[in-house]
PDB file of N, CA and C in Angstrom:
ATOM      1  N   MET A   1      -9.656  -5.074  24.066  1.00  0.00           N
ATOM      2  CA  MET A   1      -9.937  -6.341  23.892  1.00  0.00           C
ATOM      3  C   MET A   1     -10.859  -6.076  25.117  1.00  0.00           C
ATOM      4  N   ILE A   2     -11.425  -6.381  25.681  1.00  0.00           N
ATOM      5  CA  ILE A   2     -12.938  -6.736  26.911  1.00  0.00           C
ATOM      6  C   ILE A   2     -12.283  -7.260  27.821  1.00  0.00           C
ATOM      7  N   THR A   3     -11.668  -6.769  29.040  1.00  0.00           N
ATOM      8  CA  THR A   3     -11.469  -7.287  30.482  1.00  0.00           C
ATOM      9  C   THR A   3     -12.260  -7.196  31.257  1.00  0.00           C
ATOM     10  N   PRO A   4     -12.176  -8.005  32.049  1.00  0.00           N
ATOM     11  CA  PRO A   4     -13.316  -8.020  33.023  1.00  0.00           C
ATOM     12  C   PRO A   4     -13.061  -6.279  34.451  1.00  0.00           C
ATOM     13  N   GLU A   5     -12.085  -6.698  34.056  1.00  0.00           N
ATOM     14  CA  GLU A   5     -11.337  -4.902  34.402  1.00  0.00           C
ATOM     15  C   GLU A   5     -12.413  -3.549  35.038  1.00  0.00           C
ATOM     16  N   LEU A   6     -11.958  -3.633  32.882  1.00  0.00           N
ATOM     17  CA  LEU A   6     -12.779  -2.915  31.615  1.00  0.00           C
ATOM     18  C   LEU A   6     -14.136  -3.065  31.723  1.00  0.00           C
ATOM     19  N   LEU A   7     -14.593  -3.648  32.060  1.00  0.00           N
ATOM     20  CA  LEU A   7     -16.573  -4.109  32.571  1.00  0.00           C
ATOM     21  C   LEU A   7     -16.514  -3.410  34.006  1.00  0.00           C
ATOM     22  N   ALA A   8     -16.159  -3.365  34.635  1.00  0.00           N
ATOM     23  CA  ALA A   8     -16.165  -3.039  36.501  1.00  0.00           C
ATOM     24  C   ALA A   8     -16.069  -2.160  35.800  1.00  0.00           C
ATOM     25  N   ARG A   9     -15.146  -1.123  35.380  1.00  0.00           N
ATOM     26  CA  ARG A   9     -15.376   0.274  35.474  1.00  0.00           C
ATOM     27  C   ARG A   9     -15.766   1.057  34.977  1.00  0.00           C
ATOM     28  N   ILE A  10     -16.393   0.127  33.911  1.00  0.00           N
ATOM     29  CA  ILE A  10     -17.238   0.685  33.268  1.00  0.00           C
ATOM     30  C   ILE A  10     -19.169   1.582  33.849  1.00  0.00           C
ATOM     31  N   ASN A  11     -19.225   0.020  34.473  1.00  0.00           N
ATOM     32  CA  ASN A  11     -20.474  -0.177  34.961  1.00  0.00           C
ATOM     33  C   ASN A  11     -20.314   0.482  35.975  1.00  0.00           C
ATOM     34  N   GLU A  12     -19.182   0.523  37.148  1.00  0.00           N
ATOM     35  CA  GLU A  12     -18.914   1.307  38.005  1.00  0.00           C
ATOM     36  C   GLU A  12     -19.385   3.152  37.937  1.00  0.00           C
ATOM     37  N   LEU A  13     -19.065   3.575  36.800  1.00  0.00           N
ATOM     38  CA  LEU A  13     -19.181   4.788  36.137  1.00  0.00           C
ATOM     39  C   LEU A  13     -20.542   5.130  36.163  1.00  0.00           C
ATOM     40  N   ALA A  14     -20.928   4.446  35.222  1.00  0.00           N
ATOM     41  CA  ALA A  14     -22.562   4.357  35.618  1.00  0.00           C
ATOM     42  C   ALA A  14     -23.516   4.214  36.667  1.00  0.00           C
ATOM     43  N   ARG A  15     -22.986   3.730  37.549  1.00  0.00           N
ATOM     44  CA  ARG A  15     -23.606   3.501  38.566  1.00  0.00           C
ATOM     45  C   ARG A  15     -23.721   4.137  39.160  1.00  0.00           C
ATOM     46  N   LYS A  16     -21.764   5.509  39.754  1.00  0.00           N
ATOM     47  CA  LYS A  16     -21.831   6.582  40.295  1.00  0.00           C
ATOM     48  C   LYS A  16     -22.914   7.711  39.031  1.00  0.00           C
ATOM     49  N   LYS A  17     -22.831   7.773  37.874  1.00  0.00           N
ATOM     50  CA  LYS A  17     -23.695   9.143  37.593  1.00  0.00           C
ATOM     51  C   LYS A  17     -25.404   8.955  37.317  1.00  0.00           C
ATOM     52  N   ARG A  18     -25.651   7.600  37.531  1.00  0.00           N
ATOM     53  CA  ARG A  18     -26.881   7.329  38.089  1.00  0.00           C
ATOM     54  C   ARG A  18     -27.520   8.045  39.288  1.00  0.00           C
ATOM     55  N   THR A  19     -26.692   7.977  39.844  1.00  0.00           N
ATOM     56  CA  THR A  19     -26.840   8.384  41.322  1.00  0.00           C
ATOM     57  C   THR A  19     -25.932   9.893  41.776  1.00  0.00           C
ATOM     58  N   VAL A  20     -25.145   9.536  42.424  1.00  0.00           N
ATOM     59  CA  VAL A  20     -24.236  11.317  42.823  1.00  0.00           C
ATOM     60  C   VAL A  20     -23.666  12.060  41.453  1.00  0.00           C
ATOM     61  N   GLY A  21     -23.818  11.443  40.347  1.00  0.00           N
ATOM     62  CA  GLY A  21     -23.132  12.386  39.200  1.00  0.00           C
ATOM     63  C   GLY A  21     -21.887  11.938  38.826  1.00  0.00           C
ATOM     64  N   LEU A  22     -21.181  12.134  38.297  1.00  0.00           N
ATOM     65  CA  LEU A  22     -19.784  12.444  37.824  1.00  0.00           C
ATOM     66  C   LEU A  22     -18.909  13.614  37.676  1.00  0.00           C
ATOM     67  N   THR A  23     -17.536  13.185  38.167  1.00  0.00           N
ATOM     68  CA  THR A  23     -16.725  14.720  37.871  1.00  0.00           C
ATOM     69  C   THR A  23     -16.422  15.206  35.557  1.00  0.00           C
ATOM     70  N   GLU A  24     -15.440  15.766  35.243  1.00  0.00           N
ATOM     71  CA  GLU A  24     -15.204  16.584  34.029  1.00  0.00           C
ATOM     72  C   GLU A  24     -14.250  15.184  33.746  1.00  0.00           C
ATOM     73  N   GLU A  25     -13.068  14.800  35.001  1.00  0.00           N
ATOM     74  CA  GLU A  25     -12.414  13.326  34.249  1.00  0.00           C
ATOM     75  C   GLU A  25     -12.841  11.906  34.344  1.00  0.00           C
ATOM     76  N   GLU A  26     -13.566  12.110  35.596  1.00  0.00           N
ATOM     77  CA  GLU A  26     -15.053  10.673  34.785  1.00  0.00           C
ATOM     78  C   GLU A  26     -15.426  10.548  33.686  1.00  0.00           C
ATOM     79  N   LEU A  27     -15.830  11.769  33.280  1.00  0.00           N
ATOM     80  CA  LEU A  27     -16.553  11.440  32.372  1.00  0.00           C
ATOM     81  C   LEU A  27     -16.100  11.275  30.859  1.00  0.00           C
ATOM     82  N   ALA A  28     -14.636  11.633  31.234  1.00  0.00           N
ATOM     83  CA  ALA A  28     -13.866  12.092  30.370  1.00  0.00           C
ATOM     84  C   ALA A  28     -13.239  10.134  30.041  1.00  0.00           C
ATOM     85  N   GLU A  29     -13.047  10.250  30.829  1.00  0.00           N
ATOM     86  CA  GLU A  29     -12.698   8.855  31.196  1.00  0.00           C
ATOM     87  C   GLU A  29     -13.701   7.806  30.904  1.00  0.00           C
ATOM     88  N   GLN A  30     -15.174   7.914  31.387  1.00  0.00           N
ATOM     89  CA  GLN A  30     -16.065   6.995  30.673  1.00  0.00           C
ATOM     90  C   GLN A  30     -16.479   7.007  29.069  1.00  0.00           C
ATOM     91  N   LYS A  31     -15.586   8.357  28.488  1.00  0.00           N
ATOM     92  CA  LYS A  31     -16.199   8.219  27.083  1.00  0.00           C
ATOM     93  C   LYS A  31     -15.012   7.365  26.897  1.00  0.00           C
ATOM     94  N   GLY A  32     -13.620   7.333  26.709  1.00  0.00           N
ATOM     95  CA  GLY A  32     -12.722   6.538  26.404  1.00  0.00           C
ATOM     96  C   GLY A  32     -13.091   4.998  26.244  1.00  0.00           C
ATOM     97  N   LEU A  33     -13.836   4.822  28.020  1.00  0.00           N
ATOM     98  CA  LEU A  33     -14.051   3.332  28.200  1.00  0.00           C
ATOM     99  C   LEU A  33     -14.945   3.056  27.498  1.00  0.00           C
ATOM    100  N   TYR A  34     -16.003   3.590  26.972  1.00  0.00           N
ATOM    101  CA  TYR A  34     -16.826   3.909  26.613  1.00  0.00           C
ATOM    102  C   TYR A  34     -15.933   3.196  24.668  1.00  0.00           C
ATOM    103  N   LYS A  35     -15.589   3.829  23.978  1.00  0.00           N
ATOM    104  CA  LYS A  35     -14.207   3.844  22.650  1.00  0.00           C
ATOM    105  C   LYS A  35     -13.999   2.666  22.538  1.00  0.00           C
ATOM    106  N   ILE A  36     -12.871   2.394  23.508  1.00  0.00           N
ATOM    107  CA  ILE A  36     -12.374   0.814  23.654  1.00  0.00           C
ATOM    108  C   ILE A  36     -13.525  -0.269  23.706  1.00  0.00           C
ATOM    109  N   TYR A  37     -14.533  -0.150  24.366  1.00  0.00           N
ATOM    110  CA  TYR A  37     -14.907  -0.941  24.502  1.00  0.00           C
ATOM    111  C   TYR A  37     -16.295  -1.030  23.516  1.00  0.00           C
ATOM    112  N   LEU A  38     -16.295  -0.355  22.150  1.00  0.00           N
ATOM    113  CA  LEU A  38     -17.320  -0.201  21.592  1.00  0.00           C
ATOM    114  C   LEU A  38     -16.874  -0.649  20.321  1.00  0.00           C
ATOM    115  N   ALA A  39     -14.841  -0.473  20.138  1.00  0.00           N
ATOM    116  CA  ALA A  39     -13.905  -0.385  19.124  1.00  0.00           C
ATOM    117  C   ALA A  39     -14.106  -2.436  19.319  1.00  0.00           C
ATOM    118  N   ALA A  40     -14.224  -2.412  20.520  1.00  0.00           N
ATOM    119  CA  ALA A  40     -13.987  -4.136  20.798  1.00  0.00           C
ATOM    120  C   ALA A  40     -15.280  -5.271  20.186  1.00  0.00           C
ATOM    121  N   ILE A  41     -16.299  -4.317  20.389  1.00  0.00           N
ATOM    122  CA  ILE A  41     -17.580  -5.083  19.903  1.00  0.00           C
ATOM    123  C   ILE A  41     -17.238  -5.277  18.934  1.00  0.00           C
ATOM    124  N   ARG A  42     -17.096  -3.793  17.387  1.00  0.00           N
ATOM    125  CA  ARG A  42     -17.021  -3.586  17.132  1.00  0.00           C
ATOM    126  C   ARG A  42     -16.087  -5.663  15.882  1.00  0.00           C
ATOM    127  N   GLU A  43     -14.794  -5.279  16.077  1.00  0.00           N
ATOM    128  CA  GLU A  43     -14.258  -6.101  15.945  1.00  0.00           C
ATOM    129  C   GLU A  43     -14.158  -7.438  15.876  1.00  0.00           C
ATOM    130  N   GLN A  44     -14.764  -8.073  17.062  1.00  0.00           N
ATOM    131  CA  GLN A  44     -15.643  -9.411  17.295  1.00  0.00           C
ATOM    132  C   GLN A  44     -17.051  -9.405  16.339  1.00  0.00           C
ATOM    133  N   MET A  45     -17.531  -8.857  15.746  1.00  0.00           N
ATOM    134  CA  MET A  45     -18.549  -9.417  14.740  1.00  0.00           C
ATOM    135  C   MET A  45     -18.427  -8.762  13.395  1.00  0.00           C
ATOM    136  N   THR A  46     -16.648  -7.997  13.747  1.00  0.00           N
ATOM    137  CA  THR A  46     -16.485  -8.135  11.808  1.00  0.00           C
ATOM    138  C   THR A  46     -15.962  -9.286  11.774  1.00  0.00           C
ATOM    139  N   ASN A  47     -14.948  -9.926  13.193  1.00  0.00           N
ATOM    140  CA  ASN A  47     -14.311 -11.244  12.605  1.00  0.00           C
ATOM    141  C   ASN A  47     -15.544 -12.153  12.980  1.00  0.00           C
ATOM    142  N   LEU A  48     -16.536 -12.641  13.427  1.00  0.00           N
ATOM    143  CA  LEU A  48     -17.524 -13.031  12.943  1.00  0.00           C
ATOM    144  C   LEU A  48     -18.023 -13.548  11.594  1.00  0.00           C
ATOM    145  N   LEU A  49     -18.079 -12.223  11.447  1.00  0.00           N
ATOM    146  CA  LEU A  49     -18.831 -11.700  10.009  1.00  0.00           C
ATOM    147  C   LEU A  49     -17.595 -12.673   8.777  1.00  0.00           C
ATOM    148  N   ASP A  50     -16.603 -11.627   9.199  1.00  0.00           N
ATOM    149  CA  ASP A  50     -15.327 -12.108   8.325  1.00  0.00           C
ATOM    150  C   ASP A  50     -15.477 -14.329   8.246  1.00  0.00           C
ATOM    151  N   SER A  51     -16.071 -14.628   9.045  1.00  0.00           N
ATOM    152  CA  SER A  51     -15.775 -16.080   9.438  1.00  0.00           C
ATOM    153  C   SER A  51     -17.002 -17.132   8.622  1.00  0.00           C
ATOM    154  N   ILE A  52     -17.953 -16.106   8.722  1.00  0.00           N
ATOM    155  CA  ILE A  52     -18.882 -16.545   7.840  1.00  0.00           C
ATOM    156  C   ILE A  52     -18.823 -17.235   5.615  1.00  0.00           C
ATOM    157  N   GLU A  53     -19.260 -18.599   6.097  1.00  0.00           N
ATOM    158  CA  GLU A  53     -19.058 -19.167   4.169  1.00  0.00           C
ATOM    159  C   GLU A  53     -20.204 -19.239   3.880  1.00  0.00           C
ATOM    160  N   ILE A  54     -21.200 -19.048   2.790  1.00  0.00           N
ATOM    161  CA  ILE A  54     -21.964 -18.973   2.409  1.00  0.00           C
ATOM    162  C   ILE A  54     -21.604 -20.359   1.483  1.00  0.00           C
ATOM    163  N   VAL A  55     -22.856 -21.672   1.638  1.00  0.00           N
ATOM    164  CA  VAL A  55     -23.120 -22.138   0.395  1.00  0.00           C
ATOM    165  C   VAL A  55     -23.987 -22.718   0.293  1.00  0.00           C
ATOM    166  N   ASP A  56     -24.208 -21.990  -1.038  1.00  0.00           N
ATOM    167  CA  ASP A  56     -25.414 -23.089  -1.803  1.00  0.00           C
ATOM    168  C   ASP A  56     -25.695 -24.124  -2.847  1.00  0.00           C
ATOM    169  N   VAL A  57     -26.421 -25.287  -1.684  1.00  0.00           N
ATOM    170  CA  VAL A  57     -25.996 -26.502  -2.542  1.00  0.00           C
ATOM    171  C   VAL A  57     -27.740 -26.163  -3.131  1.00  0.00           C
ATOM    172  N   GLU A  58     -27.628 -26.884  -4.396  1.00  0.00           N
ATOM    173  CA  GLU A  58     -29.093 -27.142  -5.153  1.00  0.00           C
ATOM    174  C   GLU A  58     -29.346 -28.404  -4.538  1.00  0.00           C
ATOM    175  N   VAL A  59     -30.529 -28.475  -3.475  1.00  0.00           N
ATOM    176  CA  VAL A  59     -31.514 -30.359  -3.784  1.00  0.00           C
ATOM    177  C   VAL A  59     -31.610 -30.818  -4.796  1.00  0.00           C
ATOM    178  N   LYS A  60     -30.963 -31.889  -4.785  1.00  0.00           N
ATOM    179  CA  LYS A  60     -32.251 -32.851  -5.955  1.00  0.00           C
ATOM    180  C   LYS A  60     -32.848 -33.251  -5.592  1.00  0.00           C
ATOM    181  N   LYS A  61     -33.977 -34.002  -6.461  1.00  0.00           N
ATOM    182  CA  LYS A  61     -34.757 -34.415  -6.375  1.00  0.00           C
ATOM    183  C   LYS A  61     -35.074 -36.234  -6.701  1.00  0.00           C
TER     184      LYS A  61
END
């Protein structure tokens, strides 16, 4: 699940990486957080696609 705290930490590490760089521990944490984030996005997309129902309706003239 994507929480505001998760996003805040991801953004914090991304800003730090661009400015001063990350330690090995922070790089590992960032990689883990990205995995969690991407898994949640994939789950949301799967749920969205599973809920789509295709209806074929013939138009009568």
